[in-house]
C-alpha atoms as a PDB file:
ATOM      1  CA  MET A   1       5.098  20.670 -19.201  1.00  0.00           C
ATOM      2  CA  LYS A   2       7.718  18.764 -17.227  1.00  0.00           C
ATOM      3  CA  LEU A   3       6.093  19.706 -13.919  1.00  0.00           C
ATOM      4  CA  HIS A   4       2.758  18.359 -15.168  1.00  0.00           C
ATOM      5  CA  LEU A   5       4.322  15.023 -16.103  1.00  0.00           C
ATOM      6  CA  ILE A   6       6.041  14.749 -12.724  1.00  0.00           C
ATOM      7  CA  THR A   7       2.758  15.447 -10.958  1.00  0.00           C
ATOM      8  CA  LEU A   8       0.940  12.913 -13.140  1.00  0.00           C
ATOM      9  CA  TYR A   9       3.621  10.316 -12.366  1.00  0.00           C
ATOM     10  CA  ARG A  10       3.254  10.973  -8.640  1.00  0.00           C
ATOM     11  CA  PHE A  11      -0.512  10.593  -8.894  1.00  0.00           C
ATOM     12  CA  MET A  12      -0.140   7.298 -10.778  1.00  0.00           C
ATOM     13  CA  ILE A  13       2.358   5.984  -8.219  1.00  0.00           C
ATOM     14  CA  GLY A  14       0.365   7.315  -5.285  1.00  0.00           C
ATOM     15  CA  PHE A  15      -3.052   6.110  -6.215  1.00  0.00           C
ATOM     16  CA  GLY A  16      -2.184   3.100  -8.399  1.00  0.00           C
ATOM     17  CA  ILE A  17       0.658   1.437  -6.552  1.00  0.00           C
ATOM     18  CA  GLY A  18      -0.677   2.823  -3.277  1.00  0.00           C
ATOM     19  CA  TYR A  19      -3.943   1.022  -3.926  1.00  0.00           C
ATOM     20  CA  LEU A  20      -2.159  -2.253  -4.710  1.00  0.00           C
ATOM     21  CA  CYS A  21       0.004  -1.929  -1.585  1.00  0.00           C
ATOM     22  CA  THR A  22      -3.100  -1.274   0.499  1.00  0.00           C
ATOM     23  CA  TYR A  23      -4.874  -4.254  -1.062  1.00  0.00           C
ATOM     24  CA  PHE A  24      -2.074  -6.662  -0.202  1.00  0.00           C
ATOM     25  CA  PHE A  25      -1.603  -5.057   3.225  1.00  0.00           C
ATOM     26  CA  ALA A  26      -5.294  -5.584   4.027  1.00  0.00           C
ATOM     27  CA  LEU A  27      -5.226  -9.193   2.816  1.00  0.00           C
ATOM     28  CA  ASN A  28      -2.138  -9.963   4.889  1.00  0.00           C
ATOM     29  CA  LEU A  29      -3.585  -8.315   7.967  1.00  0.00           C
ATOM     30  CA  ILE A  30      -6.914 -10.117   7.598  1.00  0.00           C
ATOM     31  CA  HIS A  31      -5.134 -13.437   7.196  1.00  0.00           C
ATOM     32  CA  LEU A  32      -2.980 -12.819  10.273  1.00  0.00           C
ATOM     33  CA  CYS A  33      -5.907 -11.658  12.418  1.00  0.00           C
ATOM     34  CA  GLN A  34      -8.100 -14.639  11.555  1.00  0.00           C
ATOM     35  CA  SER A  35      -5.968 -16.852  13.760  1.00  0.00           C
ATOM     36  CA  PHE A  36      -7.094 -15.102  16.952  1.00  0.00           C
ATOM     37  CA  LEU A  37     -10.213 -13.093  15.954  1.00  0.00           C
ATOM     38  CA  PRO A  38     -13.486 -14.120  14.306  1.00  0.00           C
ATOM     39  CA  LYS A  39     -13.688 -13.490  10.558  1.00  0.00           C
ATOM     40  CA  ALA A  40     -15.968 -10.446  10.737  1.00  0.00           C
ATOM     41  CA  GLU A  41     -13.765  -8.662  13.267  1.00  0.00           C
ATOM     42  CA  SER A  42     -10.585  -9.466  11.352  1.00  0.00           C
ATOM     43  CA  VAL A  43     -12.082  -8.071   8.135  1.00  0.00           C
ATOM     44  CA  LEU A  44     -13.191  -4.908   9.938  1.00  0.00           C
ATOM     45  CA  LEU A  45      -9.812  -4.450  11.608  1.00  0.00           C
ATOM     46  CA  GLY A  46      -7.962  -5.116   8.360  1.00  0.00           C
ATOM     47  CA  SER A  47     -10.104  -2.631   6.449  1.00  0.00           C
ATOM     48  CA  LEU A  48      -9.741   0.149   8.996  1.00  0.00           C
ATOM     49  CA  VAL A  49      -5.981  -0.245   9.359  1.00  0.00           C
ATOM     50  CA  ALA A  50      -5.618  -0.507   5.570  1.00  0.00           C
ATOM     51  CA  LEU A  51      -7.466   2.800   5.155  1.00  0.00           C
ATOM     52  CA  ILE A  52      -5.016   4.500   7.511  1.00  0.00           C
ATOM     53  CA  PHE A  53      -2.147   2.804   5.661  1.00  0.00           C
ATOM     54  CA  TYR A  54      -3.452   4.109   2.310  1.00  0.00           C
ATOM     55  CA  ILE A  55      -3.677   7.671   3.572  1.00  0.00           C
ATOM     56  CA  ALA A  56      -0.133   7.444   4.946  1.00  0.00           C
ATOM     57  CA  VAL A  57       1.196   6.017   1.646  1.00  0.00           C
ATOM     58  CA  VAL A  58      -0.386   8.794  -0.421  1.00  0.00           C
ATOM     59  CA  ILE A  59       0.975  11.488   1.893  1.00  0.00           C
ATOM     60  CA  LEU A  60       4.455   9.963   1.928  1.00  0.00           C
ATOM     61  CA  ILE A  61       4.548   9.686  -1.857  1.00  0.00           C
ATOM     62  CA  PHE A  62       4.061  13.416  -2.186  1.00  0.00           C
ATOM     63  CA  CYS A  63       6.709  14.081   0.497  1.00  0.00           C
ATOM     64  CA  ILE A  64       9.518  12.221  -1.286  1.00  0.00           C
ATOM     65  CA  LYS A  65      11.248  14.576  -3.747  1.00  0.00           C
ATOM     66  CA  ASN A  66      13.448  12.177  -5.744  1.00  0.00           C
ATOM     67  CA  LEU A  67      11.410  10.259  -8.350  1.00  0.00           C
ATOM     68  CA  LYS A  68      13.937   7.439  -8.695  1.00  0.00           C
ATOM     69  CA  TRP A  69      13.935   6.856  -4.943  1.00  0.00           C
ATOM     70  CA  LEU A  70      10.134   7.073  -4.927  1.00  0.00           C
ATOM     71  CA  SER A  71       9.797   4.489  -7.699  1.00  0.00           C
ATOM     72  CA  LEU A  72      12.298   2.136  -6.113  1.00  0.00           C
ATOM     73  CA  LEU A  73      10.776   2.422  -2.644  1.00  0.00           C
ATOM     74  CA  SER A  74       7.208   1.907  -3.855  1.00  0.00           C
ATOM     75  CA  LEU A  75       8.147  -1.157  -5.910  1.00  0.00           C
ATOM     76  CA  ILE A  76      10.100  -2.651  -2.997  1.00  0.00           C
ATOM     77  CA  VAL A  77       7.158  -2.180  -0.635  1.00  0.00           C
ATOM     78  CA  LEU A  78       4.756  -3.622  -3.217  1.00  0.00           C
ATOM     79  CA  SER A  79       7.037  -6.617  -3.779  1.00  0.00           C
ATOM     80  CA  ILE A  80       7.380  -7.300  -0.048  1.00  0.00           C
ATOM     81  CA  LEU A  81       3.627  -7.128   0.491  1.00  0.00           C
ATOM     82  CA  PHE A  82       2.952  -9.321  -2.560  1.00  0.00           C
ATOM     83  CA  LEU A  83       5.461 -11.967  -1.498  1.00  0.00           C
ATOM     84  CA  THR A  84       4.098 -11.915   2.044  1.00  0.00           C
ATOM     85  CA  HIS A  85       0.628 -12.493   0.625  1.00  0.00           C
ATOM     86  CA  LYS A  86       1.851 -15.412  -1.467  1.00  0.00           C
ATOM     87  CA  PHE A  87       3.642 -17.026   1.478  1.00  0.00           C
ATOM     88  CA  LEU A  88       0.766 -16.512   3.927  1.00  0.00           C
ATOM     89  CA  GLY A  89      -2.112 -17.467   1.676  1.00  0.00           C
END
């Protein structure tokens, strides 16, 4: 039972917080690219790089063994991306 809860927690962190991190990463990247690229190209570039970022986040979440370190690291990354979004936009 404990293994099932750990796996469920990893899935929630991986796909829930990973999605939020990817969302803010894409918004930040789109905002930064709009200064030197047209809007359509910056949206395309932001979306493609965010997709690669999401895949990397999900893989890394299942590579980290310690759940406390995983939770702390994911919340720090989410906080940094959120604050960057608030300062940029």
